[in-house]
Amino acid sequence: MASQKNLDLLCAGKLLWNTWRRDYPELQAFEPDLHNADLHRVDLSGVDFHGVDLTGANLQDADLRGADLRETDLRHTDLQSANLSEANLLNARLHGADLRGAILRSASLKGADLRGADLRGADLQGANLSKALFEKANLSGVDLSGTNLYKADLRGADLHGTILSKAIPEKDDLPGEDLNKRLKAKEKSTRRRSAAGCFTCPI
């Protein structure tokens, strides 16, 4: 369970929480514990969650716009329909997280671990996904056009119906390989198999 002291401090207000994190850096060496916390629909915009343990927390419909989530442990966290626009998720651990319907517009997910995460219906317009890990992640039907996929690892991800044609691979993405061409080929292959009846619509 989450630390009651940490929860009480957070509930006292974002300003107090952020001030505590800034003014007492020695205490931050002990990872603030908010795992399994129920924070659904809470306004957490701009909150400093850098390095916080939020594993298994309920953040469904939470407002996390502009939040500092660098290196935050979000494994198996419920982030359904959460608003993470412009949030900093650098090197965040999102293994197995539920991000269905989440808004991640212009969010930085550079180096984030999204293995096994469910991103169906997520809005990733303008997101930075460079060096992110997507092994066994569900990206089916997700629009990745306009995202930065520099050195992102999409191997093993579910890309059925994923829009990849306008993704930005950046230069020097993969030595000797044009990522954009590879992604387009993957998209065309998926469409051909779908048209051939290999996949059924889950309705």
N, C-alpha and C. Protein backbone atom coordinates (compact mmCIF):
# COMPACT_ATOMS: atom_id res chain seq x y z
N MET A 1 0.84 -1.21 0.00
CA MET A 1 0.00 0.00 0.00
C MET A 1 0.87 1.26 0.00
N ALA A 2 0.28 2.34 -0.47
CA ALA A 2 1.00 3.61 -0.51
C ALA A 2 1.27 4.12 0.91
N SER A 3 2.34 4.89 1.04
CA SER A 3 2.66 5.51 2.32
C SER A 3 1.60 6.54 2.65
N GLN A 4 0.97 6.42 3.81
CA GLN A 4 -0.07 7.36 4.20
C GLN A 4 0.50 8.76 4.32
N LYS A 5 1.74 8.87 4.78
CA LYS A 5 2.38 10.18 4.91
C LYS A 5 2.53 10.84 3.55
N ASN A 6 2.96 10.06 2.56
CA ASN A 6 3.12 10.59 1.21
C ASN A 6 1.77 10.98 0.61
N LEU A 7 0.75 10.16 0.85
CA LEU A 7 -0.59 10.44 0.34
C LEU A 7 -1.15 11.72 0.97
N ASP A 8 -0.99 11.86 2.29
CA ASP A 8 -1.49 13.05 2.98
C ASP A 8 -0.83 14.31 2.45
N LEU A 9 0.48 14.20 2.17
CA LEU A 9 1.22 15.35 1.66
C LEU A 9 0.75 15.74 0.27
N LEU A 10 0.50 14.74 -0.56
CA LEU A 10 0.02 15.01 -1.92
C LEU A 10 -1.39 15.61 -1.88
N CYS A 11 -2.22 15.08 -1.00
CA CYS A 11 -3.60 15.57 -0.90
C CYS A 11 -3.67 16.98 -0.31
N ALA A 12 -2.58 17.41 0.34
CA ALA A 12 -2.54 18.76 0.91
C ALA A 12 -2.37 19.82 -0.17
N GLY A 13 -2.03 19.38 -1.38
CA GLY A 13 -1.92 20.33 -2.49
C GLY A 13 -0.65 20.15 -3.29
N LYS A 14 -0.75 20.46 -4.57
CA LYS A 14 0.39 20.30 -5.48
C LYS A 14 1.55 21.21 -5.08
N LEU A 15 1.26 22.42 -4.66
CA LEU A 15 2.31 23.36 -4.30
C LEU A 15 3.13 22.84 -3.13
N LEU A 16 2.45 22.34 -2.09
CA LEU A 16 3.14 21.81 -0.92
C LEU A 16 3.98 20.59 -1.29
N TRP A 17 3.40 19.70 -2.11
CA TRP A 17 4.11 18.49 -2.54
C TRP A 17 5.38 18.86 -3.32
N ASN A 18 5.24 19.73 -4.29
CA ASN A 18 6.39 20.11 -5.12
C ASN A 18 7.46 20.84 -4.32
N THR A 19 7.02 21.66 -3.36
CA THR A 19 7.97 22.37 -2.50
C THR A 19 8.73 21.39 -1.63
N TRP A 20 8.04 20.41 -1.09
CA TRP A 20 8.67 19.37 -0.26
C TRP A 20 9.71 18.60 -1.06
N ARG A 21 9.39 18.26 -2.28
CA ARG A 21 10.32 17.52 -3.11
C ARG A 21 11.54 18.35 -3.47
N ARG A 22 11.32 19.65 -3.67
CA ARG A 22 12.43 20.54 -4.04
C ARG A 22 13.31 20.88 -2.84
N ASP A 23 12.70 21.13 -1.67
CA ASP A 23 13.44 21.62 -0.52
C ASP A 23 14.09 20.53 0.32
N TYR A 24 13.65 19.29 0.14
CA TYR A 24 14.23 18.19 0.92
C TYR A 24 14.74 17.09 0.00
N PRO A 25 15.76 17.41 -0.80
CA PRO A 25 16.28 16.42 -1.76
C PRO A 25 16.84 15.17 -1.11
N GLU A 26 17.32 15.31 0.14
CA GLU A 26 17.88 14.13 0.81
C GLU A 26 16.81 13.07 1.06
N LEU A 27 15.56 13.50 1.23
CA LEU A 27 14.47 12.56 1.46
C LEU A 27 14.06 11.85 0.17
N GLN A 28 14.38 12.47 -0.96
CA GLN A 28 13.99 11.89 -2.23
C GLN A 28 14.84 10.67 -2.59
N ALA A 29 15.93 10.49 -1.85
CA ALA A 29 16.75 9.29 -2.08
C ALA A 29 15.94 8.04 -1.74
N PHE A 30 14.96 8.22 -0.85
CA PHE A 30 14.04 7.14 -0.51
C PHE A 30 12.80 7.33 -1.38
N GLU A 31 12.69 6.53 -2.39
CA GLU A 31 11.63 6.67 -3.40
C GLU A 31 10.27 6.89 -2.77
N PRO A 32 9.64 8.05 -2.99
CA PRO A 32 8.28 8.28 -2.46
C PRO A 32 7.35 7.14 -2.88
N ASP A 33 6.60 6.63 -1.93
CA ASP A 33 5.80 5.43 -2.15
C ASP A 33 4.32 5.75 -2.31
N LEU A 34 3.83 5.63 -3.55
CA LEU A 34 2.41 5.83 -3.83
C LEU A 34 1.86 4.64 -4.59
N HIS A 35 2.48 3.47 -4.40
CA HIS A 35 2.02 2.32 -5.16
C HIS A 35 0.63 1.88 -4.68
N ASN A 36 -0.18 1.51 -5.66
CA ASN A 36 -1.58 1.10 -5.43
C ASN A 36 -2.46 2.24 -4.92
N ALA A 37 -1.99 3.47 -5.02
CA ALA A 37 -2.79 4.62 -4.57
C ALA A 37 -3.97 4.84 -5.52
N ASP A 38 -5.10 5.26 -4.96
CA ASP A 38 -6.28 5.56 -5.77
C ASP A 38 -6.31 7.06 -6.03
N LEU A 39 -5.88 7.44 -7.24
CA LEU A 39 -5.80 8.85 -7.61
C LEU A 39 -6.62 9.12 -8.87
N HIS A 40 -7.65 8.32 -9.08
CA HIS A 40 -8.44 8.50 -10.30
C HIS A 40 -9.18 9.83 -10.27
N ARG A 41 -9.18 10.49 -11.43
CA ARG A 41 -9.84 11.78 -11.64
C ARG A 41 -9.25 12.91 -10.80
N VAL A 42 -8.07 12.72 -10.25
CA VAL A 42 -7.44 13.76 -9.44
C VAL A 42 -6.64 14.71 -10.35
N ASP A 43 -6.67 16.00 -10.03
CA ASP A 43 -5.89 16.99 -10.78
C ASP A 43 -4.45 16.94 -10.28
N LEU A 44 -3.58 16.36 -11.11
CA LEU A 44 -2.16 16.22 -10.77
C LEU A 44 -1.29 16.93 -11.81
N SER A 45 -1.88 17.89 -12.49
CA SER A 45 -1.14 18.61 -13.53
C SER A 45 0.05 19.34 -12.91
N GLY A 46 1.21 19.18 -13.54
CA GLY A 46 2.40 19.87 -13.08
C GLY A 46 3.05 19.30 -11.83
N VAL A 47 2.56 18.17 -11.35
CA VAL A 47 3.11 17.57 -10.13
C VAL A 47 4.46 16.91 -10.39
N ASP A 48 5.36 17.02 -9.43
CA ASP A 48 6.68 16.40 -9.53
C ASP A 48 6.60 14.97 -9.00
N PHE A 49 6.50 14.02 -9.93
CA PHE A 49 6.48 12.60 -9.58
C PHE A 49 7.80 11.93 -10.00
N HIS A 50 8.82 12.72 -10.20
CA HIS A 50 10.10 12.20 -10.65
C HIS A 50 10.59 11.07 -9.73
N GLY A 51 10.72 9.85 -10.30
CA GLY A 51 11.24 8.72 -9.54
C GLY A 51 10.30 8.13 -8.51
N VAL A 52 9.04 8.54 -8.51
CA VAL A 52 8.07 8.05 -7.52
C VAL A 52 7.60 6.64 -7.87
N ASP A 53 7.29 5.84 -6.85
CA ASP A 53 6.74 4.50 -7.05
C ASP A 53 5.22 4.61 -7.15
N LEU A 54 4.72 4.47 -8.39
CA LEU A 54 3.27 4.51 -8.63
C LEU A 54 2.79 3.19 -9.20
N THR A 55 3.51 2.12 -8.92
CA THR A 55 3.13 0.82 -9.45
C THR A 55 1.73 0.43 -9.00
N GLY A 56 0.93 -0.02 -9.96
CA GLY A 56 -0.41 -0.50 -9.64
C GLY A 56 -1.38 0.57 -9.22
N ALA A 57 -1.00 1.83 -9.33
CA ALA A 57 -1.89 2.92 -8.90
C ALA A 57 -3.06 3.10 -9.87
N ASN A 58 -4.15 3.64 -9.36
CA ASN A 58 -5.31 3.94 -10.19
C ASN A 58 -5.26 5.42 -10.56
N LEU A 59 -4.86 5.71 -11.81
CA LEU A 59 -4.78 7.07 -12.30
C LEU A 59 -5.75 7.28 -13.46
N GLN A 60 -6.78 6.48 -13.47
CA GLN A 60 -7.77 6.57 -14.54
C GLN A 60 -8.42 7.96 -14.54
N ASP A 61 -8.46 8.58 -15.73
CA ASP A 61 -9.05 9.90 -15.91
C ASP A 61 -8.34 11.00 -15.13
N ALA A 62 -7.14 10.74 -14.64
CA ALA A 62 -6.40 11.76 -13.89
C ALA A 62 -5.84 12.82 -14.84
N ASP A 63 -5.68 14.04 -14.34
CA ASP A 63 -5.10 15.12 -15.12
C ASP A 63 -3.62 15.21 -14.77
N LEU A 64 -2.78 14.73 -15.68
CA LEU A 64 -1.33 14.72 -15.47
C LEU A 64 -0.62 15.59 -16.50
N ARG A 65 -1.31 16.58 -16.99
CA ARG A 65 -0.72 17.47 -17.98
C ARG A 65 0.52 18.16 -17.42
N GLY A 66 1.63 18.06 -18.17
CA GLY A 66 2.85 18.73 -17.77
C GLY A 66 3.51 18.15 -16.53
N ALA A 67 3.07 16.98 -16.08
CA ALA A 67 3.65 16.38 -14.88
C ALA A 67 5.06 15.87 -15.15
N ASP A 68 5.90 15.89 -14.11
CA ASP A 68 7.27 15.38 -14.20
C ASP A 68 7.24 13.91 -13.77
N LEU A 69 7.30 13.02 -14.76
CA LEU A 69 7.24 11.58 -14.50
C LEU A 69 8.53 10.90 -14.95
N ARG A 70 9.62 11.64 -14.93
CA ARG A 70 10.91 11.07 -15.31
C ARG A 70 11.29 9.92 -14.37
N GLU A 71 11.63 8.79 -14.99
CA GLU A 71 12.08 7.60 -14.24
C GLU A 71 11.06 7.13 -13.21
N THR A 72 9.82 7.53 -13.38
CA THR A 72 8.75 7.10 -12.47
C THR A 72 8.39 5.65 -12.73
N ASP A 73 8.10 4.91 -11.67
CA ASP A 73 7.72 3.50 -11.79
C ASP A 73 6.21 3.41 -11.93
N LEU A 74 5.76 3.20 -13.17
CA LEU A 74 4.33 3.14 -13.48
C LEU A 74 3.93 1.76 -13.97
N ARG A 75 4.67 0.75 -13.57
CA ARG A 75 4.36 -0.61 -14.02
C ARG A 75 2.97 -1.03 -13.54
N HIS A 76 2.19 -1.56 -14.51
CA HIS A 76 0.85 -2.08 -14.24
C HIS A 76 -0.08 -1.03 -13.64
N THR A 77 0.17 0.22 -13.96
CA THR A 77 -0.67 1.32 -13.50
C THR A 77 -1.86 1.50 -14.44
N ASP A 78 -3.01 1.86 -13.89
CA ASP A 78 -4.21 2.12 -14.68
C ASP A 78 -4.22 3.59 -15.07
N LEU A 79 -3.91 3.86 -16.34
CA LEU A 79 -3.89 5.22 -16.86
C LEU A 79 -4.94 5.41 -17.95
N GLN A 80 -5.99 4.63 -17.89
CA GLN A 80 -7.04 4.74 -18.90
C GLN A 80 -7.62 6.16 -18.92
N SER A 81 -7.65 6.74 -20.12
CA SER A 81 -8.23 8.07 -20.36
C SER A 81 -7.56 9.18 -19.55
N ALA A 82 -6.38 8.92 -19.01
CA ALA A 82 -5.65 9.97 -18.29
C ALA A 82 -5.10 10.97 -19.30
N ASN A 83 -5.00 12.23 -18.88
CA ASN A 83 -4.45 13.27 -19.75
C ASN A 83 -2.99 13.51 -19.37
N LEU A 84 -2.09 13.05 -20.24
CA LEU A 84 -0.65 13.18 -20.02
C LEU A 84 -0.02 14.12 -21.05
N SER A 85 -0.80 15.03 -21.58
CA SER A 85 -0.28 15.96 -22.57
C SER A 85 0.92 16.73 -22.02
N GLU A 86 2.00 16.76 -22.80
CA GLU A 86 3.23 17.48 -22.46
C GLU A 86 3.88 17.00 -21.17
N ALA A 87 3.52 15.82 -20.72
CA ALA A 87 4.17 15.25 -19.53
C ALA A 87 5.56 14.74 -19.90
N ASN A 88 6.46 14.76 -18.94
CA ASN A 88 7.82 14.27 -19.16
C ASN A 88 7.94 12.86 -18.58
N LEU A 89 7.96 11.87 -19.47
CA LEU A 89 8.04 10.46 -19.06
C LEU A 89 9.38 9.87 -19.47
N LEU A 90 10.42 10.67 -19.45
CA LEU A 90 11.76 10.20 -19.81
C LEU A 90 12.15 9.00 -18.96
N ASN A 91 12.46 7.91 -19.64
CA ASN A 91 12.90 6.67 -18.97
C ASN A 91 11.90 6.13 -17.95
N ALA A 92 10.64 6.49 -18.12
CA ALA A 92 9.62 5.97 -17.20
C ALA A 92 9.40 4.48 -17.43
N ARG A 93 9.04 3.78 -16.36
CA ARG A 93 8.77 2.34 -16.46
C ARG A 93 7.26 2.13 -16.53
N LEU A 94 6.80 1.78 -17.73
CA LEU A 94 5.37 1.62 -17.99
C LEU A 94 5.04 0.19 -18.41
N HIS A 95 5.86 -0.75 -18.00
CA HIS A 95 5.65 -2.15 -18.36
C HIS A 95 4.27 -2.61 -17.89
N GLY A 96 3.45 -3.06 -18.84
CA GLY A 96 2.14 -3.59 -18.48
C GLY A 96 1.12 -2.54 -18.10
N ALA A 97 1.41 -1.27 -18.33
CA ALA A 97 0.46 -0.20 -17.97
C ALA A 97 -0.74 -0.19 -18.92
N ASP A 98 -1.87 0.22 -18.40
CA ASP A 98 -3.09 0.33 -19.20
C ASP A 98 -3.25 1.79 -19.61
N LEU A 99 -2.93 2.08 -20.87
CA LEU A 99 -2.99 3.44 -21.39
C LEU A 99 -4.09 3.60 -22.43
N ARG A 100 -5.08 2.75 -22.38
CA ARG A 100 -6.17 2.84 -23.35
C ARG A 100 -6.89 4.18 -23.24
N GLY A 101 -6.97 4.86 -24.39
CA GLY A 101 -7.66 6.14 -24.42
C GLY A 101 -6.92 7.29 -23.77
N ALA A 102 -5.67 7.06 -23.36
CA ALA A 102 -4.90 8.12 -22.71
C ALA A 102 -4.50 9.19 -23.73
N ILE A 103 -4.39 10.42 -23.26
CA ILE A 103 -3.97 11.53 -24.11
C ILE A 103 -2.50 11.82 -23.82
N LEU A 104 -1.66 11.60 -24.82
CA LEU A 104 -0.22 11.77 -24.66
C LEU A 104 0.33 12.76 -25.68
N ARG A 105 -0.47 13.75 -26.01
CA ARG A 105 -0.06 14.74 -27.01
C ARG A 105 1.19 15.50 -26.56
N SER A 106 2.21 15.49 -27.42
CA SER A 106 3.46 16.21 -27.17
C SER A 106 4.17 15.75 -25.90
N ALA A 107 3.84 14.56 -25.42
CA ALA A 107 4.51 14.02 -24.24
C ALA A 107 5.87 13.45 -24.64
N SER A 108 6.82 13.48 -23.71
CA SER A 108 8.13 12.90 -23.96
C SER A 108 8.20 11.52 -23.31
N LEU A 109 8.30 10.50 -24.16
CA LEU A 109 8.41 9.12 -23.68
C LEU A 109 9.76 8.55 -24.10
N LYS A 110 10.73 9.42 -24.23
CA LYS A 110 12.06 8.99 -24.67
C LYS A 110 12.64 7.97 -23.69
N GLY A 111 13.02 6.81 -24.23
CA GLY A 111 13.62 5.78 -23.41
C GLY A 111 12.66 5.07 -22.47
N ALA A 112 11.37 5.33 -22.62
CA ALA A 112 10.37 4.71 -21.73
C ALA A 112 10.23 3.22 -22.02
N ASP A 113 9.98 2.44 -20.98
CA ASP A 113 9.75 1.00 -21.11
C ASP A 113 8.25 0.75 -21.17
N LEU A 114 7.76 0.51 -22.39
CA LEU A 114 6.32 0.29 -22.61
C LEU A 114 6.04 -1.16 -22.99
N ARG A 115 6.92 -2.05 -22.62
CA ARG A 115 6.72 -3.45 -22.96
C ARG A 115 5.44 -3.97 -22.31
N GLY A 116 4.59 -4.58 -23.14
CA GLY A 116 3.36 -5.15 -22.64
C GLY A 116 2.28 -4.14 -22.31
N ALA A 117 2.51 -2.86 -22.61
CA ALA A 117 1.51 -1.84 -22.31
C ALA A 117 0.39 -1.88 -23.35
N ASP A 118 -0.78 -1.45 -22.94
CA ASP A 118 -1.93 -1.40 -23.84
C ASP A 118 -2.21 0.05 -24.18
N LEU A 119 -1.95 0.42 -25.45
CA LEU A 119 -2.12 1.81 -25.88
C LEU A 119 -3.26 1.99 -26.88
N ARG A 120 -4.16 1.04 -26.94
CA ARG A 120 -5.26 1.16 -27.89
C ARG A 120 -6.09 2.41 -27.60
N GLY A 121 -6.32 3.18 -28.66
CA GLY A 121 -7.11 4.39 -28.51
C GLY A 121 -6.36 5.58 -27.94
N ALA A 122 -5.07 5.41 -27.67
CA ALA A 122 -4.28 6.51 -27.10
C ALA A 122 -4.00 7.57 -28.16
N ASP A 123 -3.94 8.83 -27.72
CA ASP A 123 -3.63 9.95 -28.61
C ASP A 123 -2.16 10.31 -28.40
N LEU A 124 -1.34 10.00 -29.40
CA LEU A 124 0.10 10.23 -29.30
C LEU A 124 0.59 11.31 -30.26
N GLN A 125 -0.29 12.19 -30.67
CA GLN A 125 0.06 13.24 -31.62
C GLN A 125 1.25 14.06 -31.10
N GLY A 126 2.34 14.08 -31.88
CA GLY A 126 3.50 14.89 -31.53
C GLY A 126 4.35 14.34 -30.40
N ALA A 127 4.09 13.11 -29.96
CA ALA A 127 4.85 12.53 -28.84
C ALA A 127 6.26 12.13 -29.26
N ASN A 128 7.18 12.20 -28.32
CA ASN A 128 8.56 11.76 -28.55
C ASN A 128 8.70 10.34 -28.02
N LEU A 129 8.80 9.38 -28.94
CA LEU A 129 8.89 7.96 -28.58
C LEU A 129 10.28 7.42 -28.87
N SER A 130 11.25 8.29 -29.01
CA SER A 130 12.59 7.84 -29.35
C SER A 130 13.17 6.92 -28.27
N LYS A 131 13.77 5.84 -28.73
CA LYS A 131 14.42 4.84 -27.87
C LYS A 131 13.46 4.14 -26.90
N ALA A 132 12.16 4.30 -27.12
CA ALA A 132 11.19 3.61 -26.27
C ALA A 132 11.10 2.13 -26.64
N LEU A 133 10.75 1.30 -25.67
CA LEU A 133 10.64 -0.14 -25.87
C LEU A 133 9.16 -0.52 -25.94
N PHE A 134 8.78 -1.23 -27.02
CA PHE A 134 7.37 -1.58 -27.22
C PHE A 134 7.14 -3.08 -27.36
N GLU A 135 8.08 -3.90 -26.93
CA GLU A 135 7.91 -5.34 -27.07
C GLU A 135 6.60 -5.81 -26.43
N LYS A 136 5.77 -6.50 -27.23
CA LYS A 136 4.48 -7.04 -26.79
C LYS A 136 3.47 -5.96 -26.38
N ALA A 137 3.75 -4.71 -26.74
CA ALA A 137 2.79 -3.64 -26.48
C ALA A 137 1.67 -3.71 -27.50
N ASN A 138 0.48 -3.28 -27.12
CA ASN A 138 -0.66 -3.28 -28.04
C ASN A 138 -0.85 -1.88 -28.60
N LEU A 139 -0.45 -1.71 -29.87
CA LEU A 139 -0.58 -0.42 -30.56
C LEU A 139 -1.58 -0.52 -31.70
N SER A 140 -2.43 -1.53 -31.66
CA SER A 140 -3.36 -1.74 -32.76
C SER A 140 -4.30 -0.55 -32.92
N GLY A 141 -4.35 -0.03 -34.15
CA GLY A 141 -5.22 1.08 -34.47
C GLY A 141 -4.72 2.43 -34.01
N VAL A 142 -3.54 2.49 -33.40
CA VAL A 142 -3.02 3.76 -32.89
C VAL A 142 -2.40 4.58 -34.02
N ASP A 143 -2.63 5.87 -34.00
CA ASP A 143 -2.09 6.78 -35.00
C ASP A 143 -0.72 7.29 -34.51
N LEU A 144 0.35 6.81 -35.16
CA LEU A 144 1.70 7.21 -34.78
C LEU A 144 2.27 8.24 -35.75
N SER A 145 1.44 8.76 -36.64
CA SER A 145 1.92 9.77 -37.59
C SER A 145 2.32 11.03 -36.83
N GLY A 146 3.46 11.56 -37.17
CA GLY A 146 3.93 12.78 -36.52
C GLY A 146 4.68 12.53 -35.23
N THR A 147 4.80 11.28 -34.80
CA THR A 147 5.56 10.98 -33.58
C THR A 147 7.04 10.79 -33.93
N ASN A 148 7.90 10.95 -32.95
CA ASN A 148 9.33 10.73 -33.14
C ASN A 148 9.66 9.31 -32.73
N LEU A 149 10.01 8.47 -33.69
CA LEU A 149 10.30 7.06 -33.43
C LEU A 149 11.80 6.75 -33.56
N TYR A 150 12.62 7.73 -33.33
CA TYR A 150 14.07 7.54 -33.44
C TYR A 150 14.55 6.40 -32.52
N LYS A 151 15.04 5.35 -33.14
CA LYS A 151 15.57 4.17 -32.44
C LYS A 151 14.55 3.51 -31.50
N ALA A 152 13.26 3.74 -31.74
CA ALA A 152 12.24 3.04 -30.95
C ALA A 152 12.25 1.57 -31.35
N ASP A 153 12.06 0.69 -30.38
CA ASP A 153 12.06 -0.75 -30.63
C ASP A 153 10.62 -1.25 -30.67
N LEU A 154 10.13 -1.49 -31.90
CA LEU A 154 8.75 -1.94 -32.09
C LEU A 154 8.66 -3.44 -32.33
N ARG A 155 9.74 -4.15 -32.16
CA ARG A 155 9.73 -5.58 -32.41
C ARG A 155 8.79 -6.30 -31.43
N GLY A 156 7.91 -7.12 -31.98
CA GLY A 156 6.99 -7.88 -31.15
C GLY A 156 5.74 -7.12 -30.74
N ALA A 157 5.63 -5.85 -31.16
CA ALA A 157 4.45 -5.07 -30.80
C ALA A 157 3.29 -5.41 -31.74
N ASP A 158 2.06 -5.27 -31.24
CA ASP A 158 0.88 -5.48 -32.06
C ASP A 158 0.62 -4.20 -32.84
N LEU A 159 0.87 -4.24 -34.16
CA LEU A 159 0.74 -3.06 -35.00
C LEU A 159 -0.42 -3.19 -36.00
N HIS A 160 -1.37 -4.06 -35.71
CA HIS A 160 -2.51 -4.24 -36.61
C HIS A 160 -3.30 -2.94 -36.73
N GLY A 161 -3.35 -2.38 -37.93
CA GLY A 161 -4.11 -1.16 -38.16
C GLY A 161 -3.42 0.10 -37.67
N THR A 162 -2.20 -0.02 -37.18
CA THR A 162 -1.46 1.15 -36.70
C THR A 162 -1.07 2.05 -37.88
N ILE A 163 -1.24 3.35 -37.72
CA ILE A 163 -0.88 4.29 -38.77
C ILE A 163 0.56 4.73 -38.55
N LEU A 164 1.42 4.32 -39.49
CA LEU A 164 2.85 4.56 -39.34
C LEU A 164 3.44 5.39 -40.47
N SER A 165 2.64 5.65 -41.51
CA SER A 165 3.18 6.21 -42.74
C SER A 165 3.85 7.57 -42.59
N LYS A 166 3.45 8.37 -41.61
CA LYS A 166 4.04 9.69 -41.46
C LYS A 166 4.84 9.82 -40.17
N ALA A 167 5.23 8.68 -39.59
CA ALA A 167 6.06 8.72 -38.39
C ALA A 167 7.41 9.32 -38.74
N ILE A 168 8.03 10.00 -37.80
CA ILE A 168 9.31 10.66 -38.03
C ILE A 168 10.43 9.81 -37.44
N PRO A 169 11.17 9.06 -38.28
CA PRO A 169 12.22 8.22 -37.75
C PRO A 169 13.50 8.96 -37.40
N GLU A 170 13.65 10.20 -37.90
CA GLU A 170 14.87 10.98 -37.73
C GLU A 170 16.03 10.29 -38.45
N LYS A 171 17.08 11.01 -38.69
CA LYS A 171 18.22 10.45 -39.42
C LYS A 171 19.03 9.52 -38.52
N ASP A 172 19.79 8.63 -39.17
CA ASP A 172 20.64 7.67 -38.47
C ASP A 172 19.85 6.80 -37.50
N ASP A 173 18.60 6.51 -37.84
CA ASP A 173 17.75 5.74 -36.92
C ASP A 173 18.27 4.33 -36.71
N LEU A 174 18.47 3.59 -37.81
CA LEU A 174 19.00 2.24 -37.71
C LEU A 174 20.09 2.10 -38.76
N PRO A 175 21.30 1.72 -38.36
CA PRO A 175 22.40 1.61 -39.31
C PRO A 175 22.03 0.72 -40.48
N GLY A 176 22.15 1.30 -41.68
CA GLY A 176 21.93 0.52 -42.89
C GLY A 176 20.48 0.20 -43.17
N GLU A 177 19.56 0.83 -42.44
CA GLU A 177 18.14 0.51 -42.65
C GLU A 177 17.29 1.76 -42.61
N ASP A 178 16.36 1.89 -43.52
CA ASP A 178 15.45 3.03 -43.55
C ASP A 178 14.21 2.64 -42.76
N LEU A 179 14.09 3.17 -41.55
CA LEU A 179 12.98 2.79 -40.66
C LEU A 179 11.64 3.15 -41.28
N ASN A 180 11.58 4.31 -41.92
CA ASN A 180 10.31 4.73 -42.50
C ASN A 180 9.83 3.72 -43.53
N LYS A 181 10.73 3.22 -44.37
CA LYS A 181 10.35 2.23 -45.36
C LYS A 181 9.91 0.93 -44.68
N ARG A 182 10.61 0.57 -43.61
CA ARG A 182 10.27 -0.66 -42.90
C ARG A 182 8.88 -0.57 -42.29
N LEU A 183 8.57 0.60 -41.72
CA LEU A 183 7.26 0.78 -41.09
C LEU A 183 6.15 0.79 -42.13
N LYS A 184 6.41 1.42 -43.29
CA LYS A 184 5.42 1.43 -44.35
C LYS A 184 5.17 0.02 -44.86
N ALA A 185 6.25 -0.76 -45.00
CA ALA A 185 6.11 -2.14 -45.46
C ALA A 185 5.30 -2.95 -44.46
N LYS A 186 5.53 -2.68 -43.15
CA LYS A 186 4.79 -3.38 -42.10
C LYS A 186 3.31 -3.03 -42.19
N GLU A 187 3.02 -1.76 -42.42
CA GLU A 187 1.63 -1.31 -42.50
C GLU A 187 0.93 -1.95 -43.71
N LYS A 188 1.62 -1.97 -44.87
CA LYS A 188 1.04 -2.56 -46.07
C LYS A 188 0.80 -4.05 -45.88
N SER A 189 1.76 -4.72 -45.22
CA SER A 189 1.63 -6.15 -44.98
C SER A 189 0.43 -6.44 -44.10
N THR A 190 0.24 -5.60 -43.07
CA THR A 190 -0.89 -5.77 -42.16
C THR A 190 -2.21 -5.60 -42.90
N ARG A 191 -2.26 -4.57 -43.79
CA ARG A 191 -3.49 -4.32 -44.54
C ARG A 191 -3.81 -5.48 -45.47
N ARG A 192 -2.76 -6.05 -46.12
CA ARG A 192 -2.99 -7.16 -47.03
C ARG A 192 -3.54 -8.37 -46.29
N ARG A 193 -2.97 -8.66 -45.12
CA ARG A 193 -3.43 -9.81 -44.35
C ARG A 193 -4.85 -9.60 -43.84
N SER A 194 -5.13 -8.34 -43.45
CA SER A 194 -6.49 -8.03 -42.96
C SER A 194 -7.51 -8.19 -44.07
N ALA A 195 -7.15 -7.72 -45.28
CA ALA A 195 -8.05 -7.81 -46.43
C ALA A 195 -8.27 -9.27 -46.82
N ALA A 196 -7.27 -10.10 -46.57
CA ALA A 196 -7.36 -11.50 -46.92
C ALA A 196 -8.19 -12.29 -45.92
N GLY A 197 -8.60 -11.64 -44.83
CA GLY A 197 -9.46 -12.30 -43.84
C GLY A 197 -8.70 -12.98 -42.74
N CYS A 198 -7.42 -12.62 -42.58
CA CYS A 198 -6.62 -13.23 -41.51
C CYS A 198 -6.99 -12.69 -40.16
N PHE A 199 -7.58 -11.49 -40.14
CA PHE A 199 -7.95 -10.88 -38.87
C PHE A 199 -9.43 -10.54 -38.87
N THR A 200 -10.06 -10.70 -37.76
CA THR A 200 -11.49 -10.40 -37.67
C THR A 200 -11.69 -9.19 -36.76
N CYS A 201 -12.68 -8.43 -37.05
CA CYS A 201 -12.98 -7.24 -36.25
C CYS A 201 -13.64 -7.68 -34.94
N PRO A 202 -13.05 -7.28 -33.78
CA PRO A 202 -13.57 -7.73 -32.48
C PRO A 202 -14.82 -6.97 -32.06
N ILE A 203 -15.91 -7.11 -32.81
CA ILE A 203 -17.15 -6.41 -32.45
C ILE A 203 -18.18 -7.45 -31.98
